[in-house]
């Protein structure tokens, strides 16, 4: 399947890091708030979608 094929690879050097540039420390309190909000949103969407699905299934089964 790959007969007479070639892969071209180009070597690229990594850029030199800036020595005086410091990364700000991670704010774990803010990270925890964002993660908690995201997980709560996912759970709420899942429960809402499951409730809507049950209502639709019940409505369809009640009509037939």
Protein backbone atom coordinates (compact mmCIF):
# COMPACT_ATOMS: atom_id res chain seq x y z
CA UNK A 1 0.00 0.00 0.00
CA UNK A 2 2.80 2.42 0.82
CA UNK A 3 5.22 1.25 -1.81
CA UNK A 4 7.43 3.93 -3.34
CA UNK A 5 6.34 6.53 -0.78
CA UNK A 6 8.55 8.86 1.22
CA UNK A 7 8.02 10.95 4.30
CA UNK A 8 9.68 14.36 4.33
CA UNK A 9 10.80 15.48 7.78
CA UNK A 10 12.07 18.95 8.54
CA UNK A 11 14.07 19.49 11.72
CA UNK A 12 13.13 22.65 13.61
CA UNK A 13 15.06 24.01 16.57
CA UNK A 14 13.19 24.89 19.74
CA UNK A 15 13.08 28.60 20.47
CA UNK A 16 15.40 29.77 23.22
CA UNK A 17 13.53 30.36 26.49
CA UNK A 18 13.59 33.83 27.98
CA UNK A 19 15.54 33.50 31.21
CA UNK A 20 14.06 36.46 33.09
CA UNK A 21 10.43 35.60 32.37
CA UNK A 22 8.69 34.09 35.38
CA UNK A 23 5.42 32.24 35.26
CA UNK A 24 2.79 33.52 37.68
CA UNK A 25 1.88 30.96 40.34
CA UNK A 26 -1.27 28.90 39.78
CA UNK A 27 -4.25 30.18 41.75
CA UNK A 28 -5.63 26.88 43.01
CA UNK A 29 -8.63 28.54 44.66
CA UNK A 30 -9.77 29.98 41.32
CA UNK A 31 -9.03 26.67 39.58
CA UNK A 32 -11.16 24.80 42.14
CA UNK A 33 -14.03 27.25 41.58
CA UNK A 34 -13.90 26.79 37.80
CA UNK A 35 -13.73 22.98 38.06
CA UNK A 36 -16.62 22.89 40.56
CA UNK A 37 -18.76 25.11 38.33
CA UNK A 38 -17.98 23.01 35.25
CA UNK A 39 -18.80 19.72 36.99
CA UNK A 40 -22.02 21.18 38.41
CA UNK A 41 -23.04 22.39 34.95
CA UNK A 42 -22.35 18.97 33.42
CA UNK A 43 -24.43 17.22 36.10
CA UNK A 44 -27.30 19.70 35.68
CA UNK A 45 -27.32 19.28 31.89
CA UNK A 46 -27.24 15.48 32.22
CA UNK A 47 -30.12 15.41 34.72
CA UNK A 48 -32.17 17.87 32.63
CA UNK A 49 -31.62 15.92 29.43
CA UNK A 50 -32.55 12.65 31.16
CA UNK A 51 -35.73 14.22 32.56
CA UNK A 52 -36.71 15.59 29.14
CA UNK A 53 -36.01 12.18 27.57
CA UNK A 54 -38.24 10.46 30.14
CA UNK A 55 -41.06 12.96 29.53
CA UNK A 56 -40.84 12.46 25.77
CA UNK A 57 -40.78 8.67 26.08
CA UNK A 58 -43.77 8.77 28.46
CA UNK A 59 -45.70 11.12 26.16
CA UNK A 60 -45.07 8.94 23.13
CA UNK A 61 -45.98 5.72 24.97
CA UNK A 62 -49.16 7.31 26.41
CA UNK A 63 -50.42 8.25 22.93
CA UNK A 64 -50.09 4.73 21.54
